[in-house]
Amino acid sequence: MLRLSKKVLFAIEAVLDIAYHAGAEPVQSREITRRQGIPRRYLEQALQQLVRHNILVGTRGPKGGYRLAKERRRISVADIVGVVRTMEAGKKDTDHTEGSDLGQKVVRPLWNELQEVALERLGATSIDDLCTRADMAGIASEGRENLDFTI
C-alpha cells in the first residue's frame, strides 16, 4: 500500500538535496540534516538503504559523503518510494480480509486505482525534474556555489 510517511518524504528530500547541492565533493549527511532538518537517525537509515538499492553511492572518510549512483534523470521518485516501501515492509497495513461489502468492493478498489495512478506519476517524475522545480523556485544550490572551474 502506498503511504506518504515521514520516511518517504525524508528519503525523497535527501536524494533531491544530494542531487541539487552536489559539488566537487560528496554531500555529507550533516549538511543534509542542516539544510532539510531531517532527524539524523532517520536520515542515516534511509541513506544506507538507498546505497544498498543503488540509488546512492557512499564514500567513507573525512571528505566522504553521498553521491547519486546514476544520472539524476535516471532516478525516479518511484525508485526512492520503492526503497522506503521495502524498509517499511515489516509494518502491517490494513488487513485486506476485513471490512464491509462497500469497503471491500468499492472503497479498496478505488484506493488501489489511485495508488496505481500515483505510482505512474512518481515513475514519470525524475530527480532531474525536481531539481528543475527547485531551480525555478529560486532555491540556491550550495554545490554550484562551491564549484571551481579555474584551470
Protein backbone atom coordinates (compact mmCIF):
# COMPACT_ATOMS: atom_id res chain seq x y z
CA MET A 1 0.00 0.00 0.00
CA LEU A 2 1.28 3.44 -0.89
CA ARG A 3 1.70 5.59 2.21
CA LEU A 4 3.02 9.10 2.43
CA SER A 5 5.09 8.59 5.54
CA LYS A 6 7.78 10.81 7.03
CA LYS A 7 10.37 8.29 5.89
CA VAL A 8 9.18 8.55 2.28
CA LEU A 9 9.35 12.34 2.40
CA PHE A 10 12.75 12.32 4.13
CA ALA A 11 14.21 9.90 1.57
CA ILE A 12 12.95 11.94 -1.39
CA GLU A 13 14.25 15.16 0.20
CA ALA A 14 17.63 13.55 0.92
CA VAL A 15 18.14 12.33 -2.66
CA LEU A 16 16.95 15.66 -4.04
CA ASP A 17 19.30 17.50 -1.68
CA ILE A 18 22.24 15.38 -2.84
CA ALA A 19 21.36 15.93 -6.50
CA TYR A 20 20.69 19.64 -6.14
CA HIS A 21 23.55 20.58 -3.85
CA ALA A 22 26.18 18.25 -5.32
CA GLY A 23 29.52 19.85 -5.98
CA ALA A 24 33.02 18.53 -6.42
CA GLU A 25 32.88 16.69 -3.08
CA PRO A 26 30.28 14.15 -1.92
CA VAL A 27 27.38 15.58 0.10
CA GLN A 28 27.76 14.84 3.80
CA SER A 29 24.78 13.72 5.85
CA ARG A 30 25.28 16.53 8.37
CA GLU A 31 24.83 19.03 5.52
CA ILE A 32 21.56 17.36 4.51
CA THR A 33 20.42 17.50 8.14
CA ARG A 34 21.35 21.19 8.34
CA ARG A 35 19.55 22.14 5.13
CA GLN A 36 16.50 19.88 5.37
CA GLY A 37 16.03 19.46 9.11
CA ILE A 38 15.78 15.68 8.73
CA PRO A 39 16.49 13.88 12.02
CA ARG A 40 19.87 12.16 11.76
CA ARG A 41 18.56 8.74 12.86
CA TYR A 42 16.01 8.63 10.01
CA LEU A 43 18.44 10.10 7.53
CA GLU A 44 21.27 7.61 8.11
CA GLN A 45 18.90 4.66 7.91
CA ALA A 46 17.39 5.94 4.66
CA LEU A 47 20.78 6.77 3.13
CA GLN A 48 22.10 3.28 3.88
CA GLN A 49 19.08 1.68 2.21
CA LEU A 50 19.40 4.00 -0.79
CA VAL A 51 23.04 2.91 -1.15
CA ARG A 52 22.05 -0.78 -0.94
CA HIS A 53 19.49 -0.24 -3.70
CA ASN A 54 21.95 1.59 -5.99
CA ILE A 55 20.26 4.97 -5.80
CA LEU A 56 23.25 6.49 -3.98
CA VAL A 57 26.94 5.74 -3.59
CA GLY A 58 28.53 6.26 -0.20
CA THR A 59 32.14 7.35 0.32
CA ARG A 60 33.83 6.87 3.68
CA GLY A 61 36.35 9.12 5.34
CA PRO A 62 36.70 12.75 6.36
CA LYS A 63 35.79 14.01 2.87
CA GLY A 64 33.20 11.27 2.49
CA GLY A 65 29.51 11.55 1.91
CA TYR A 66 26.96 10.60 -0.72
CA ARG A 67 26.59 10.97 -4.47
CA LEU A 68 23.96 9.77 -6.88
CA ALA A 69 24.71 6.28 -8.23
CA LYS A 70 23.46 7.28 -11.68
CA GLU A 71 22.39 10.37 -13.58
CA ARG A 72 19.63 12.29 -11.84
CA ARG A 73 17.38 11.96 -14.89
CA ARG A 74 17.59 8.17 -14.47
CA ILE A 75 16.34 8.15 -10.87
CA SER A 76 12.58 8.41 -10.48
CA VAL A 77 10.71 9.38 -7.37
CA ALA A 78 9.05 5.94 -7.60
CA ASP A 79 12.52 4.34 -7.28
CA ILE A 80 13.00 6.11 -3.95
CA VAL A 81 9.48 5.29 -2.76
CA GLY A 82 10.15 1.65 -3.60
CA VAL A 83 13.23 1.60 -1.38
CA VAL A 84 11.31 3.08 1.56
CA ARG A 85 8.44 0.65 0.99
CA THR A 86 10.99 -2.17 1.26
CA MET A 87 12.26 -0.65 4.53
CA GLU A 88 8.72 -0.44 5.90
CA ALA A 89 7.66 -3.88 4.64
CA GLY A 90 7.51 -5.24 8.17
CA LYS A 91 4.81 -2.78 9.19
CA LYS A 92 1.30 -4.13 8.91
CA ASP A 93 -1.14 -2.40 6.60
CA THR A 94 -4.90 -2.64 6.95
CA ASP A 95 -5.99 -6.27 6.80
CA HIS A 96 -7.45 -6.84 3.34
CA THR A 97 -9.84 -9.56 4.52
CA GLU A 98 -11.81 -7.38 6.95
CA GLY A 99 -14.46 -4.80 6.22
CA SER A 100 -17.91 -4.35 4.79
CA ASP A 101 -19.00 -5.11 1.24
CA LEU A 102 -18.79 -1.40 0.45
CA GLY A 103 -15.24 -1.30 1.75
CA GLN A 104 -14.18 -4.49 0.00
CA LYS A 105 -15.91 -3.94 -3.34
CA VAL A 106 -15.94 -0.15 -3.73
CA VAL A 107 -13.53 1.74 -1.46
CA ARG A 108 -10.49 -0.57 -1.66
CA PRO A 109 -10.65 -0.91 -5.47
CA LEU A 110 -10.82 2.89 -5.70
CA TRP A 111 -7.80 3.21 -3.40
CA ASN A 112 -5.88 0.66 -5.48
CA GLU A 113 -6.64 2.61 -8.68
CA LEU A 114 -5.44 5.84 -7.05
CA GLN A 115 -2.24 4.14 -5.93
CA GLU A 116 -1.55 2.92 -9.46
CA VAL A 117 -2.03 6.43 -10.88
CA ALA A 118 0.20 7.92 -8.17
CA LEU A 119 2.95 5.37 -8.78
CA GLU A 120 2.78 6.02 -12.53
CA ARG A 121 3.21 9.75 -11.93
CA LEU A 122 6.05 9.18 -9.47
CA GLY A 123 7.70 6.87 -12.00
CA ALA A 124 7.49 9.58 -14.64
CA THR A 125 8.99 12.21 -12.33
CA SER A 126 12.78 12.16 -12.14
CA ILE A 127 15.11 13.74 -9.62
CA ASP A 128 16.21 15.97 -12.50
CA ASP A 129 12.60 17.19 -12.81
CA LEU A 130 12.58 18.05 -9.11
CA CYS A 131 15.94 19.84 -9.41
CA THR A 132 14.45 21.94 -12.22
CA ARG A 133 11.50 22.79 -9.97
CA ALA A 134 13.87 23.77 -7.16
CA ASP A 135 15.83 26.00 -9.54
CA MET A 136 12.63 27.61 -10.83
CA ALA A 137 11.54 28.20 -7.23
CA GLY A 138 14.71 30.22 -6.70
CA ILE A 139 16.37 27.83 -4.25
CA ALA A 140 20.12 28.39 -4.28
CA SER A 141 22.34 25.36 -4.84
CA GLU A 142 25.23 25.29 -2.39
CA GLY A 143 27.06 22.83 -4.63
CA ARG A 144 27.13 25.12 -7.63
CA GLU A 145 28.48 27.93 -5.46
CA ASN A 146 31.39 25.71 -4.40
CA LEU A 147 32.40 24.55 -7.88
CA ASP A 148 35.68 25.99 -9.10
CA PHE A 149 36.20 25.98 -12.86
CA THR A 150 39.67 27.57 -12.87
CA ILE A 151 42.46 25.64 -14.53
